[in-house]
Structures are given as structure tokens and as C-alpha cells.
Amino acid sequence: MVDGDANSYWESANGAFPQWVQVDLGSARTVGRVVLKLPPSSAWGSRTQTVAVQGSVDGGSFGTLVGAAGRTFDPASGNQVTITFSAAQTRYVRVTVTGNSGWPAGQLSALEVYAS
């Protein structure tokens, strides 16, 4: 997910939920928004993934930043979802996927983390 290619993506094991992917920001930072993307290709039909966002300052103990909810990825709007939440200090940001209406696995081509 750091190759700069919007068409490459991470996919978890099929049929094995929950699955997660996380990013290490290098040090604790104030974060308040994540953007999740799938490949923009029209070959990727609309789908809803159930995702939660968690944060941790030490990589071991995670707290919920945003609870699990269905997020719709639609090719007509660039196949991306923006999730905002109350600003929090965290070093590790984890996105947990517990369902996907388009494929039996978690899928992401980009995970972007912002201050707000």
C-alpha cells in the first residue's frame, strides 16, 4: 500500500473475518481523519465494507477511534471513504474489517491518515 499504484491492493484471507491492516506513524501524532481507498477501476463494483478504526501509542493496547460501521465504496465517487473522528494522540492506526458485500475478504489499496 505504499507503492503509489492505485490499482494494487491489500486483500485479507478469504472468509476469515475480522482482518486488519495498520500504519505506524513513527511517533505519537494527533489524528482525526482516515481515508480508505480501493482501486478506482470501474471493474471494482460498489461494495460496503464494515470497518472500525483503532489507535495505540505503544502498538499493544488499542482503543476505539471509530466503531464498526458499514462504509460504501462506490466507483462513481472514486471508490474512497473518509472517516472522521475526535482528535486523538496515537502512533499506530489500525483499520479492522469485519465484512465486505463485494468479496469475502478485507480490501484496501490505500490507508491515509490526517490530523483532521
PDB file of N, CA and C in Angstrom:
ATOM      1  N   MET A   1       0.805  -1.183   0.000  1.00  0.00           N
ATOM      2  CA  MET A   1       0.000   0.000   0.000  1.00  0.00           C
ATOM      3  C   MET A   1       0.854   1.254   0.000  1.00  0.00           C
ATOM      4  N   VAL A   2       2.126   1.125  -0.121  1.00  0.00           N
ATOM      5  CA  VAL A   2       2.986   2.307  -0.199  1.00  0.00           C
ATOM      6  C   VAL A   2       3.707   2.378  -1.541  1.00  0.00           C
ATOM      7  N   ASP A   3       3.183   1.688  -2.544  1.00  0.00           N
ATOM      8  CA  ASP A   3       3.847   1.667  -3.844  1.00  0.00           C
ATOM      9  C   ASP A   3       3.390   2.785  -4.775  1.00  0.00           C
ATOM     10  N   GLY A   4       2.396   3.574  -4.367  1.00  0.00           N
ATOM     11  CA  GLY A   4       1.917   4.672  -5.205  1.00  0.00           C
ATOM     12  C   GLY A   4       1.048   4.241  -6.367  1.00  0.00           C
ATOM     13  N   ASP A   5       0.769   2.955  -6.480  1.00  0.00           N
ATOM     14  CA  ASP A   5      -0.047   2.431  -7.574  1.00  0.00           C
ATOM     15  C   ASP A   5      -1.475   2.217  -7.080  1.00  0.00           C
ATOM     16  N   ALA A   6      -2.412   3.042  -7.540  1.00  0.00           N
ATOM     17  CA  ALA A   6      -3.806   2.970  -7.088  1.00  0.00           C
ATOM     18  C   ALA A   6      -4.474   1.651  -7.450  1.00  0.00           C
ATOM     19  N   ASN A   7      -3.898   0.906  -8.389  1.00  0.00           N
ATOM     20  CA  ASN A   7      -4.505  -0.352  -8.814  1.00  0.00           C
ATOM     21  C   ASN A   7      -4.014  -1.564  -8.035  1.00  0.00           C
ATOM     22  N   SER A   8      -2.979  -1.402  -7.212  1.00  0.00           N
ATOM     23  CA  SER A   8      -2.563  -2.519  -6.365  1.00  0.00           C
ATOM     24  C   SER A   8      -3.310  -2.411  -5.040  1.00  0.00           C
ATOM     25  N   TYR A   9      -3.464  -3.542  -4.345  1.00  0.00           N
ATOM     26  CA  TYR A   9      -4.263  -3.510  -3.132  1.00  0.00           C
ATOM     27  C   TYR A   9      -3.904  -4.658  -2.204  1.00  0.00           C
ATOM     28  N   TRP A  10      -4.254  -4.454  -0.926  1.00  0.00           N
ATOM     29  CA  TRP A  10      -4.146  -5.484   0.097  1.00  0.00           C
ATOM     30  C   TRP A  10      -5.483  -6.201   0.163  1.00  0.00           C
ATOM     31  N   GLU A  11      -5.412  -7.526   0.293  1.00  0.00           N
ATOM     32  CA  GLU A  11      -6.617  -8.320   0.479  1.00  0.00           C
ATOM     33  C   GLU A  11      -6.330  -9.367   1.537  1.00  0.00           C
ATOM     34  N   SER A  12      -7.222  -9.463   2.522  1.00  0.00           N
ATOM     35  CA  SER A  12      -7.045 -10.443   3.589  1.00  0.00           C
ATOM     36  C   SER A  12      -7.393 -11.837   3.086  1.00  0.00           C
ATOM     37  N   ALA A  13      -7.203 -12.816   3.940  1.00  0.00           N
ATOM     38  CA  ALA A  13      -7.588 -14.188   3.613  1.00  0.00           C
ATOM     39  C   ALA A  13      -9.096 -14.257   3.408  1.00  0.00           C
ATOM     40  N   ASN A  14      -9.529 -14.975   2.381  1.00  0.00           N
ATOM     41  CA  ASN A  14     -10.964 -15.106   2.091  1.00  0.00           C
ATOM     42  C   ASN A  14     -11.704 -15.809   3.223  1.00  0.00           C
ATOM     43  N   GLY A  15     -12.844 -15.250   3.583  1.00  0.00           N
ATOM     44  CA  GLY A  15     -13.731 -15.872   4.550  1.00  0.00           C
ATOM     45  C   GLY A  15     -13.225 -15.871   5.981  1.00  0.00           C
ATOM     46  N   ALA A  16     -12.196 -15.092   6.282  1.00  0.00           N
ATOM     47  CA  ALA A  16     -11.610 -15.089   7.625  1.00  0.00           C
ATOM     48  C   ALA A  16     -11.701 -13.696   8.231  1.00  0.00           C
ATOM     49  N   PHE A  17     -12.874 -13.350   8.754  1.00  0.00           N
ATOM     50  CA  PHE A  17     -13.045 -12.056   9.417  1.00  0.00           C
ATOM     51  C   PHE A  17     -12.967 -12.267  10.921  1.00  0.00           C
ATOM     52  N   PRO A  18     -12.507 -11.315  11.704  1.00  0.00           N
ATOM     53  CA  PRO A  18     -12.019  -9.995  11.278  1.00  0.00           C
ATOM     54  C   PRO A  18     -10.580 -10.069  10.768  1.00  0.00           C
ATOM     55  N   GLN A  19     -10.226  -9.068   9.959  1.00  0.00           N
ATOM     56  CA  GLN A  19      -8.859  -8.876   9.474  1.00  0.00           C
ATOM     57  C   GLN A  19      -8.506  -7.411   9.669  1.00  0.00           C
ATOM     58  N   TRP A  20      -7.221  -7.103   9.785  1.00  0.00           N
ATOM     59  CA  TRP A  20      -6.842  -5.707   9.978  1.00  0.00           C
ATOM     60  C   TRP A  20      -5.547  -5.374   9.268  1.00  0.00           C
ATOM     61  N   VAL A  21      -5.390  -4.083   9.043  1.00  0.00           N
ATOM     62  CA  VAL A  21      -4.168  -3.521   8.487  1.00  0.00           C
ATOM     63  C   VAL A  21      -3.876  -2.268   9.318  1.00  0.00           C
ATOM     64  N   GLN A  22      -2.602  -1.986   9.553  1.00  0.00           N
ATOM     65  CA  GLN A  22      -2.288  -0.811  10.368  1.00  0.00           C
ATOM     66  C   GLN A  22      -1.071  -0.083   9.822  1.00  0.00           C
ATOM     67  N   VAL A  23      -0.957   1.180  10.247  1.00  0.00           N
ATOM     68  CA  VAL A  23       0.161   2.016   9.855  1.00  0.00           C
ATOM     69  C   VAL A  23       0.829   2.537  11.124  1.00  0.00           C
ATOM     70  N   ASP A  24       2.164   2.584  11.099  1.00  0.00           N
ATOM     71  CA  ASP A  24       2.966   3.147  12.188  1.00  0.00           C
ATOM     72  C   ASP A  24       3.382   4.546  11.757  1.00  0.00           C
ATOM     73  N   LEU A  25       2.950   5.557  12.493  1.00  0.00           N
ATOM     74  CA  LEU A  25       3.262   6.948  12.149  1.00  0.00           C
ATOM     75  C   LEU A  25       4.660   7.358  12.608  1.00  0.00           C
ATOM     76  N   GLY A  26       5.371   6.471  13.298  1.00  0.00           N
ATOM     77  CA  GLY A  26       6.747   6.745  13.718  1.00  0.00           C
ATOM     78  C   GLY A  26       6.850   7.345  15.105  1.00  0.00           C
ATOM     79  N   SER A  27       5.864   8.119  15.497  1.00  0.00           N
ATOM     80  CA  SER A  27       5.767   8.687  16.836  1.00  0.00           C
ATOM     81  C   SER A  27       4.314   9.094  17.037  1.00  0.00           C
ATOM     82  N   ALA A  28       3.960   9.362  18.296  1.00  0.00           N
ATOM     83  CA  ALA A  28       2.578   9.743  18.575  1.00  0.00           C
ATOM     84  C   ALA A  28       2.254  11.064  17.887  1.00  0.00           C
ATOM     85  N   ARG A  29       1.112  11.093  17.220  1.00  0.00           N
ATOM     86  CA  ARG A  29       0.625  12.270  16.490  1.00  0.00           C
ATOM     87  C   ARG A  29      -0.849  12.462  16.783  1.00  0.00           C
ATOM     88  N   THR A  30      -1.324  13.678  16.597  1.00  0.00           N
ATOM     89  CA  THR A  30      -2.747  13.932  16.708  1.00  0.00           C
ATOM     90  C   THR A  30      -3.389  13.601  15.366  1.00  0.00           C
ATOM     91  N   VAL A  31      -4.347  12.685  15.387  1.00  0.00           N
ATOM     92  CA  VAL A  31      -5.049  12.292  14.164  1.00  0.00           C
ATOM     93  C   VAL A  31      -6.546  12.470  14.360  1.00  0.00           C
ATOM     94  N   GLY A  32      -7.268  12.692  13.253  1.00  0.00           N
ATOM     95  CA  GLY A  32      -8.703  12.886  13.331  1.00  0.00           C
ATOM     96  C   GLY A  32      -9.449  12.469  12.082  1.00  0.00           C
ATOM     97  N   ARG A  33      -8.715  11.891  11.113  1.00  0.00           N
ATOM     98  CA  ARG A  33      -9.383  11.500   9.863  1.00  0.00           C
ATOM     99  C   ARG A  33      -8.553  10.443   9.164  1.00  0.00           C
ATOM    100  N   VAL A  34      -9.220   9.443   8.603  1.00  0.00           N
ATOM    101  CA  VAL A  34      -8.573   8.474   7.731  1.00  0.00           C
ATOM    102  C   VAL A  34      -9.343   8.426   6.415  1.00  0.00           C
ATOM    103  N   VAL A  35      -8.619   8.169   5.351  1.00  0.00           N
ATOM    104  CA  VAL A  35      -9.225   7.982   4.035  1.00  0.00           C
ATOM    105  C   VAL A  35      -8.848   6.578   3.577  1.00  0.00           C
ATOM    106  N   LEU A  36      -9.852   5.787   3.251  1.00  0.00           N
ATOM    107  CA  LEU A  36      -9.663   4.426   2.769  1.00  0.00           C
ATOM    108  C   LEU A  36      -9.999   4.397   1.290  1.00  0.00           C
ATOM    109  N   LYS A  37      -9.152   3.740   0.518  1.00  0.00           N
ATOM    110  CA  LYS A  37      -9.377   3.691  -0.931  1.00  0.00           C
ATOM    111  C   LYS A  37      -9.295   2.268  -1.455  1.00  0.00           C
ATOM    112  N   LEU A  38     -10.053   2.037  -2.509  1.00  0.00           N
ATOM    113  CA  LEU A  38      -9.956   0.833  -3.322  1.00  0.00           C
ATOM    114  C   LEU A  38      -9.508   1.258  -4.712  1.00  0.00           C
ATOM    115  N   PRO A  39      -9.054   0.314  -5.545  1.00  0.00           N
ATOM    116  CA  PRO A  39      -8.697   0.708  -6.901  1.00  0.00           C
ATOM    117  C   PRO A  39      -9.844   1.455  -7.580  1.00  0.00           C
ATOM    118  N   PRO A  40      -9.541   2.510  -8.324  1.00  0.00           N
ATOM    119  CA  PRO A  40     -10.593   3.332  -8.931  1.00  0.00           C
ATOM    120  C   PRO A  40     -11.237   2.706 -10.163  1.00  0.00           C
ATOM    121  N   SER A  41     -10.710   1.611 -10.623  1.00  0.00           N
ATOM    122  CA  SER A  41     -11.196   0.982 -11.838  1.00  0.00           C
ATOM    123  C   SER A  41     -12.689   0.669 -11.767  1.00  0.00           C
ATOM    124  N   SER A  42     -13.381   0.857 -12.881  1.00  0.00           N
ATOM    125  CA  SER A  42     -14.803   0.527 -12.934  1.00  0.00           C
ATOM    126  C   SER A  42     -15.031  -0.979 -12.822  1.00  0.00           C
ATOM    127  N   ALA A  43     -13.958  -1.778 -12.932  1.00  0.00           N
ATOM    128  CA  ALA A  43     -14.083  -3.222 -12.754  1.00  0.00           C
ATOM    129  C   ALA A  43     -14.414  -3.577 -11.303  1.00  0.00           C
ATOM    130  N   TRP A  44     -14.156  -2.636 -10.383  1.00  0.00           N
ATOM    131  CA  TRP A  44     -14.491  -2.832  -8.970  1.00  0.00           C
ATOM    132  C   TRP A  44     -15.880  -2.266  -8.737  1.00  0.00           C
ATOM    133  N   GLY A  45     -16.858  -3.132  -8.609  1.00  0.00           N
ATOM    134  CA  GLY A  45     -18.213  -2.683  -8.352  1.00  0.00           C
ATOM    135  C   GLY A  45     -18.354  -2.106  -6.959  1.00  0.00           C
ATOM    136  N   SER A  46     -19.448  -1.423  -6.744  1.00  0.00           N
ATOM    137  CA  SER A  46     -19.744  -0.841  -5.441  1.00  0.00           C
ATOM    138  C   SER A  46     -19.802  -1.943  -4.393  1.00  0.00           C
ATOM    139  N   ARG A  47     -19.308  -1.650  -3.208  1.00  0.00           N
ATOM    140  CA  ARG A  47     -19.334  -2.610  -2.113  1.00  0.00           C
ATOM    141  C   ARG A  47     -19.359  -1.866  -0.788  1.00  0.00           C
ATOM    142  N   THR A  48     -19.876  -2.518   0.216  1.00  0.00           N
ATOM    143  CA  THR A  48     -19.866  -1.964   1.564  1.00  0.00           C
ATOM    144  C   THR A  48     -18.981  -2.846   2.431  1.00  0.00           C
ATOM    145  N   GLN A  49     -17.972  -2.229   3.032  1.00  0.00           N
ATOM    146  CA  GLN A  49     -17.124  -2.948   3.971  1.00  0.00           C
ATOM    147  C   GLN A  49     -17.438  -2.432   5.374  1.00  0.00           C
ATOM    148  N   THR A  50     -17.530  -3.343   6.323  1.00  0.00           N
ATOM    149  CA  THR A  50     -17.735  -2.967   7.715  1.00  0.00           C
ATOM    150  C   THR A  50     -16.366  -2.787   8.338  1.00  0.00           C
ATOM    151  N   VAL A  51     -16.078  -1.554   8.755  1.00  0.00           N
ATOM    152  CA  VAL A  51     -14.745  -1.246   9.279  1.00  0.00           C
ATOM    153  C   VAL A  51     -14.838  -0.478  10.595  1.00  0.00           C
ATOM    154  N   ALA A  52     -13.810  -0.666  11.408  1.00  0.00           N
ATOM    155  CA  ALA A  52     -13.608   0.091  12.636  1.00  0.00           C
ATOM    156  C   ALA A  52     -12.196   0.652  12.578  1.00  0.00           C
ATOM    157  N   VAL A  53     -11.967   1.766  13.268  1.00  0.00           N
ATOM    158  CA  VAL A  53     -10.644   2.381  13.327  1.00  0.00           C
ATOM    159  C   VAL A  53     -10.213   2.423  14.785  1.00  0.00           C
ATOM    160  N   GLN A  54      -9.003   1.946  15.040  1.00  0.00           N
ATOM    161  CA  GLN A  54      -8.448   1.932  16.384  1.00  0.00           C
ATOM    162  C   GLN A  54      -7.108   2.655  16.389  1.00  0.00           C
ATOM    163  N   GLY A  55      -6.695   3.081  17.577  1.00  0.00           N
ATOM    164  CA  GLY A  55      -5.406   3.744  17.725  1.00  0.00           C
ATOM    165  C   GLY A  55      -4.664   3.228  18.938  1.00  0.00           C
ATOM    166  N   SER A  56      -3.329   3.344  18.902  1.00  0.00           N
ATOM    167  CA  SER A  56      -2.482   2.898  20.002  1.00  0.00           C
ATOM    168  C   SER A  56      -1.222   3.750  20.039  1.00  0.00           C
ATOM    169  N   VAL A  57      -0.737   4.053  21.217  1.00  0.00           N
ATOM    170  CA  VAL A  57       0.541   4.766  21.327  1.00  0.00           C
ATOM    171  C   VAL A  57       1.701   3.796  21.453  1.00  0.00           C
ATOM    172  N   ASP A  58       1.422   2.527  21.846  1.00  0.00           N
ATOM    173  CA  ASP A  58       2.509   1.574  22.065  1.00  0.00           C
ATOM    174  C   ASP A  58       2.477   0.345  21.158  1.00  0.00           C
ATOM    175  N   GLY A  59       1.440   0.210  20.337  1.00  0.00           N
ATOM    176  CA  GLY A  59       1.338  -0.937  19.434  1.00  0.00           C
ATOM    177  C   GLY A  59       0.791  -2.187  20.094  1.00  0.00           C
ATOM    178  N   GLY A  60       0.494  -2.118  21.385  1.00  0.00           N
ATOM    179  CA  GLY A  60      -0.004  -3.293  22.085  1.00  0.00           C
ATOM    180  C   GLY A  60      -1.432  -3.136  22.574  1.00  0.00           C
ATOM    181  N   SER A  61      -1.743  -1.969  23.071  1.00  0.00           N
ATOM    182  CA  SER A  61      -3.070  -1.695  23.608  1.00  0.00           C
ATOM    183  C   SER A  61      -3.777  -0.700  22.694  1.00  0.00           C
ATOM    184  N   PHE A  62      -4.872  -1.153  22.062  1.00  0.00           N
ATOM    185  CA  PHE A  62      -5.594  -0.322  21.107  1.00  0.00           C
ATOM    186  C   PHE A  62      -6.924   0.126  21.682  1.00  0.00           C
ATOM    187  N   GLY A  63      -7.258   1.387  21.425  1.00  0.00           N
ATOM    188  CA  GLY A  63      -8.560   1.935  21.790  1.00  0.00           C
ATOM    189  C   GLY A  63      -9.345   2.262  20.535  1.00  0.00           C
ATOM    190  N   THR A  64     -10.652   2.280  20.658  1.00  0.00           N
ATOM    191  CA  THR A  64     -11.522   2.551  19.516  1.00  0.00           C
ATOM    192  C   THR A  64     -11.559   4.041  19.208  1.00  0.00           C
ATOM    193  N   LEU A  65     -11.244   4.391  17.964  1.00  0.00           N
ATOM    194  CA  LEU A  65     -11.393   5.760  17.478  1.00  0.00           C
ATOM    195  C   LEU A  65     -12.745   5.918  16.795  1.00  0.00           C
ATOM    196  N   VAL A  66     -13.167   4.882  16.068  1.00  0.00           N
ATOM    197  CA  VAL A  66     -14.477   4.844  15.413  1.00  0.00           C
ATOM    198  C   VAL A  66     -14.960   3.394  15.445  1.00  0.00           C
ATOM    199  N   GLY A  67     -16.159   3.186  15.943  1.00  0.00           N
ATOM    200  CA  GLY A  67     -16.720   1.845  15.999  1.00  0.00           C
ATOM    201  C   GLY A  67     -17.051   1.294  14.622  1.00  0.00           C
ATOM    202  N   ALA A  68     -17.266  -0.006  14.574  1.00  0.00           N
ATOM    203  CA  ALA A  68     -17.561  -0.690  13.312  1.00  0.00           C
ATOM    204  C   ALA A  68     -18.844  -0.156  12.692  1.00  0.00           C
ATOM    205  N   ALA A  69     -18.762   0.129  11.400  1.00  0.00           N
ATOM    206  CA  ALA A  69     -19.919   0.604  10.638  1.00  0.00           C
ATOM    207  C   ALA A  69     -19.704   0.267   9.175  1.00  0.00           C
ATOM    208  N   GLY A  70     -20.802   0.118   8.449  1.00  0.00           N
ATOM    209  CA  GLY A  70     -20.733  -0.133   7.016  1.00  0.00           C
ATOM    210  C   GLY A  70     -20.292   1.126   6.275  1.00  0.00           C
ATOM    211  N   ARG A  71     -19.293   0.992   5.436  1.00  0.00           N
ATOM    212  CA  ARG A  71     -18.763   2.107   4.638  1.00  0.00           C
ATOM    213  C   ARG A  71     -18.842   1.710   3.173  1.00  0.00           C
ATOM    214  N   THR A  72     -19.537   2.526   2.374  1.00  0.00           N
ATOM    215  CA  THR A  72     -19.755   2.186   0.973  1.00  0.00           C
ATOM    216  C   THR A  72     -18.677   2.783   0.082  1.00  0.00           C
ATOM    217  N   PHE A  73     -18.038   1.910  -0.666  1.00  0.00           N
ATOM    218  CA  PHE A  73     -17.056   2.288  -1.684  1.00  0.00           C
ATOM    219  C   PHE A  73     -17.772   2.224  -3.021  1.00  0.00           C
ATOM    220  N   ASP A  74     -17.791   3.336  -3.748  1.00  0.00           N
ATOM    221  CA  ASP A  74     -18.546   3.428  -4.996  1.00  0.00           C
ATOM    222  C   ASP A  74     -17.630   3.962  -6.095  1.00  0.00           C
ATOM    223  N   PRO A  75     -17.484   3.236  -7.207  1.00  0.00           N
ATOM    224  CA  PRO A  75     -16.640   3.713  -8.300  1.00  0.00           C
ATOM    225  C   PRO A  75     -17.042   5.103  -8.792  1.00  0.00           C
ATOM    226  N   ALA A  76     -18.324   5.447  -8.691  1.00  0.00           N
ATOM    227  CA  ALA A  76     -18.797   6.753  -9.164  1.00  0.00           C
ATOM    228  C   ALA A  76     -18.211   7.904  -8.344  1.00  0.00           C
ATOM    229  N   SER A  77     -17.773   7.607  -7.114  1.00  0.00           N
ATOM    230  CA  SER A  77     -17.164   8.649  -6.277  1.00  0.00           C
ATOM    231  C   SER A  77     -15.712   8.328  -5.952  1.00  0.00           C
ATOM    232  N   GLY A  78     -15.056   7.600  -6.847  1.00  0.00           N
ATOM    233  CA  GLY A  78     -13.629   7.331  -6.696  1.00  0.00           C
ATOM    234  C   GLY A  78     -13.275   6.160  -5.812  1.00  0.00           C
ATOM    235  N   ASN A  79     -14.254   5.371  -5.403  1.00  0.00           N
ATOM    236  CA  ASN A  79     -14.006   4.199  -4.549  1.00  0.00           C
ATOM    237  C   ASN A  79     -13.224   4.554  -3.289  1.00  0.00           C
ATOM    238  N   GLN A  80     -13.598   5.649  -2.660  1.00  0.00           N
ATOM    239  CA  GLN A  80     -12.921   6.026  -1.422  1.00  0.00           C
ATOM    240  C   GLN A  80     -13.929   6.430  -0.355  1.00  0.00           C
ATOM    241  N   VAL A  81     -13.517   6.261   0.888  1.00  0.00           N
ATOM    242  CA  VAL A  81     -14.341   6.578   2.051  1.00  0.00           C
ATOM    243  C   VAL A  81     -13.501   7.414   3.003  1.00  0.00           C
ATOM    244  N   THR A  82     -14.080   8.503   3.500  1.00  0.00           N
ATOM    245  CA  THR A  82     -13.417   9.333   4.504  1.00  0.00           C
ATOM    246  C   THR A  82     -14.128   9.128   5.834  1.00  0.00           C
ATOM    247  N   ILE A  83     -13.357   8.837   6.859  1.00  0.00           N
ATOM    248  CA  ILE A  83     -13.893   8.635   8.201  1.00  0.00           C
ATOM    249  C   ILE A  83     -13.260   9.673   9.122  1.00  0.00           C
ATOM    250  N   THR A  84     -14.088  10.494   9.741  1.00  0.00           N
ATOM    251  CA  THR A  84     -13.591  11.495  10.684  1.00  0.00           C
ATOM    252  C   THR A  84     -13.970  11.083  12.103  1.00  0.00           C
ATOM    253  N   PHE A  85     -13.167  11.541  13.057  1.00  0.00           N
ATOM    254  CA  PHE A  85     -13.394  11.199  14.457  1.00  0.00           C
ATOM    255  C   PHE A  85     -12.754  12.266  15.336  1.00  0.00           C
ATOM    256  N   SER A  86     -13.062  12.240  16.618  1.00  0.00           N
ATOM    257  CA  SER A  86     -12.482  13.193  17.560  1.00  0.00           C
ATOM    258  C   SER A  86     -10.968  13.042  17.568  1.00  0.00           C
ATOM    259  N   ALA A  87     -10.261  14.170  17.563  1.00  0.00           N
ATOM    260  CA  ALA A  87      -8.799  14.150  17.535  1.00  0.00           C
ATOM    261  C   ALA A  87      -8.250  13.298  18.674  1.00  0.00           C
ATOM    262  N   ALA A  88      -7.254  12.490  18.352  1.00  0.00           N
ATOM    263  CA  ALA A  88      -6.652  11.590  19.334  1.00  0.00           C
ATOM    264  C   ALA A  88      -5.151  11.492  19.100  1.00  0.00           C
ATOM    265  N   GLN A  89      -4.398  11.344  20.174  1.00  0.00           N
ATOM    266  CA  GLN A  89      -2.956  11.101  20.085  1.00  0.00           C
ATOM    267  C   GLN A  89      -2.748   9.610  19.866  1.00  0.00           C
ATOM    268  N   THR A  90      -2.072   9.257  18.804  1.00  0.00           N
ATOM    269  CA  THR A  90      -1.817   7.849  18.522  1.00  0.00           C
ATOM    270  C   THR A  90      -0.593   7.715  17.633  1.00  0.00           C
ATOM    271  N   ARG A  91       0.080   6.585  17.744  1.00  0.00           N
ATOM    272  CA  ARG A  91       1.200   6.284  16.858  1.00  0.00           C
ATOM    273  C   ARG A  91       0.790   5.245  15.819  1.00  0.00           C
ATOM    274  N   TYR A  92       0.000   4.278  16.236  1.00  0.00           N
ATOM    275  CA  TYR A  92      -0.445   3.205  15.350  1.00  0.00           C
ATOM    276  C   TYR A  92      -1.926   3.388  15.047  1.00  0.00           C
ATOM    277  N   VAL A  93      -2.277   3.343  13.774  1.00  0.00           N
ATOM    278  CA  VAL A  93      -3.674   3.426  13.362  1.00  0.00           C
ATOM    279  C   VAL A  93      -4.015   2.101  12.696  1.00  0.00           C
ATOM    280  N   ARG A  94      -5.034   1.452  13.219  1.00  0.00           N
ATOM    281  CA  ARG A  94      -5.437   0.130  12.718  1.00  0.00           C
ATOM    282  C   ARG A  94      -6.857   0.211  12.170  1.00  0.00           C
ATOM    283  N   VAL A  95      -7.042  -0.348  10.984  1.00  0.00           N
ATOM    284  CA  VAL A  95      -8.366  -0.473  10.372  1.00  0.00           C
ATOM    285  C   VAL A  95      -8.723  -1.955  10.384  1.00  0.00           C
ATOM    286  N   THR A  96      -9.825  -2.275  11.058  1.00  0.00           N
ATOM    287  CA  THR A  96     -10.282  -3.655  11.153  1.00  0.00           C
ATOM    288  C   THR A  96     -11.518  -3.828  10.273  1.00  0.00           C
ATOM    289  N   VAL A  97     -11.483  -4.843   9.416  1.00  0.00           N
ATOM    290  CA  VAL A  97     -12.592  -5.140   8.505  1.00  0.00           C
ATOM    291  C   VAL A  97     -13.284  -6.406   8.999  1.00  0.00           C
ATOM    292  N   THR A  98     -14.610  -6.311   9.183  1.00  0.00           N
ATOM    293  CA  THR A  98     -15.371  -7.467   9.666  1.00  0.00           C
ATOM    294  C   THR A  98     -16.424  -7.949   8.666  1.00  0.00           C
ATOM    295  N   GLY A  99     -16.503  -7.295   7.516  1.00  0.00           N
ATOM    296  CA  GLY A  99     -17.447  -7.725   6.492  1.00  0.00           C
ATOM    297  C   GLY A  99     -17.221  -6.966   5.203  1.00  0.00           C
ATOM    298  N   ASN A 100     -17.652  -7.570   4.091  1.00  0.00           N
ATOM    299  CA  ASN A 100     -17.493  -6.960   2.775  1.00  0.00           C
ATOM    300  C   ASN A 100     -18.581  -7.538   1.870  1.00  0.00           C
ATOM    301  N   SER A 101     -19.440  -6.674   1.338  1.00  0.00           N
ATOM    302  CA  SER A 101     -20.535  -7.145   0.485  1.00  0.00           C
ATOM    303  C   SER A 101     -20.080  -7.528  -0.919  1.00  0.00           C
ATOM    304  N   GLY A 102     -18.850  -7.131  -1.299  1.00  0.00           N
ATOM    305  CA  GLY A 102     -18.382  -7.391  -2.656  1.00  0.00           C
ATOM    306  C   GLY A 102     -17.430  -8.555  -2.799  1.00  0.00           C
ATOM    307  N   TRP A 103     -16.842  -9.018  -1.689  1.00  0.00           N
ATOM    308  CA  TRP A 103     -15.871 -10.109  -1.728  1.00  0.00           C
ATOM    309  C   TRP A 103     -15.709 -10.605  -0.299  1.00  0.00           C
ATOM    310  N   PRO A 104     -15.436 -11.889  -0.081  1.00  0.00           N
ATOM    311  CA  PRO A 104     -15.375 -12.400   1.284  1.00  0.00           C
ATOM    312  C   PRO A 104     -14.026 -12.138   1.982  1.00  0.00           C
ATOM    313  N   ALA A 105     -13.525 -10.892   1.852  1.00  0.00           N
ATOM    314  CA  ALA A 105     -12.236 -10.537   2.451  1.00  0.00           C
ATOM    315  C   ALA A 105     -12.171  -9.025   2.622  1.00  0.00           C
ATOM    316  N   GLY A 106     -11.269  -8.570   3.469  1.00  0.00           N
ATOM    317  CA  GLY A 106     -10.995  -7.146   3.588  1.00  0.00           C
ATOM    318  C   GLY A 106     -10.157  -6.701   2.411  1.00  0.00           C
ATOM    319  N   GLN A 107     -10.388  -5.498   1.910  1.00  0.00           N
ATOM    320  CA  GLN A 107      -9.660  -4.990   0.751  1.00  0.00           C
ATOM    321  C   GLN A 107      -9.391  -3.489   0.916  1.00  0.00           C
ATOM    322  N   LEU A 108      -8.156  -3.064   0.633  1.00  0.00           N
ATOM    323  CA  LEU A 108      -7.778  -1.654   0.630  1.00  0.00           C
ATOM    324  C   LEU A 108      -6.621  -1.458  -0.331  1.00  0.00           C
ATOM    325  N   SER A 109      -6.633  -0.350  -1.052  1.00  0.00           N
ATOM    326  CA  SER A 109      -5.469  -0.007  -1.869  1.00  0.00           C
ATOM    327  C   SER A 109      -4.684   1.135  -1.248  1.00  0.00           C
ATOM    328  N   ALA A 110      -5.333   1.880  -0.325  1.00  0.00           N
ATOM    329  CA  ALA A 110      -4.636   2.966   0.369  1.00  0.00           C
ATOM    330  C   ALA A 110      -5.298   3.219   1.700  1.00  0.00           C
ATOM    331  N   LEU A 111      -4.475   3.560   2.678  1.00  0.00           N
ATOM    332  CA  LEU A 111      -4.916   3.984   4.000  1.00  0.00           C
ATOM    333  C   LEU A 111      -4.155   5.275   4.283  1.00  0.00           C
ATOM    334  N   GLU A 112      -4.871   6.391   4.275  1.00  0.00           N
ATOM    335  CA  GLU A 112      -4.254   7.695   4.523  1.00  0.00           C
ATOM    336  C   GLU A 112      -4.720   8.200   5.877  1.00  0.00           C
ATOM    337  N   VAL A 113      -3.793   8.783   6.652  1.00  0.00           N
ATOM    338  CA  VAL A 113      -4.095   9.279   7.984  1.00  0.00           C
ATOM    339  C   VAL A 113      -3.784  10.761   8.029  1.00  0.00           C
ATOM    340  N   TYR A 114      -4.728  11.551   8.573  1.00  0.00           N
ATOM    341  CA  TYR A 114      -4.595  13.012   8.619  1.00  0.00           C
ATOM    342  C   TYR A 114      -4.881  13.534  10.025  1.00  0.00           C
ATOM    343  N   ALA A 115      -4.405  14.736  10.282  1.00  0.00           N
ATOM    344  CA  ALA A 115      -4.623  15.372  11.577  1.00  0.00           C
ATOM    345  C   ALA A 115      -6.091  15.675  11.809  1.00  0.00           C
ATOM    346  N   SER A 116      -6.781  16.146  10.802  1.00  0.00           N
ATOM    347  CA  SER A 116      -8.203  16.458  10.969  1.00  0.00           C
ATOM    348  C   SER A 116      -8.901  16.406   9.643  1.00  0.00           C
TER     349      SER A 116
END
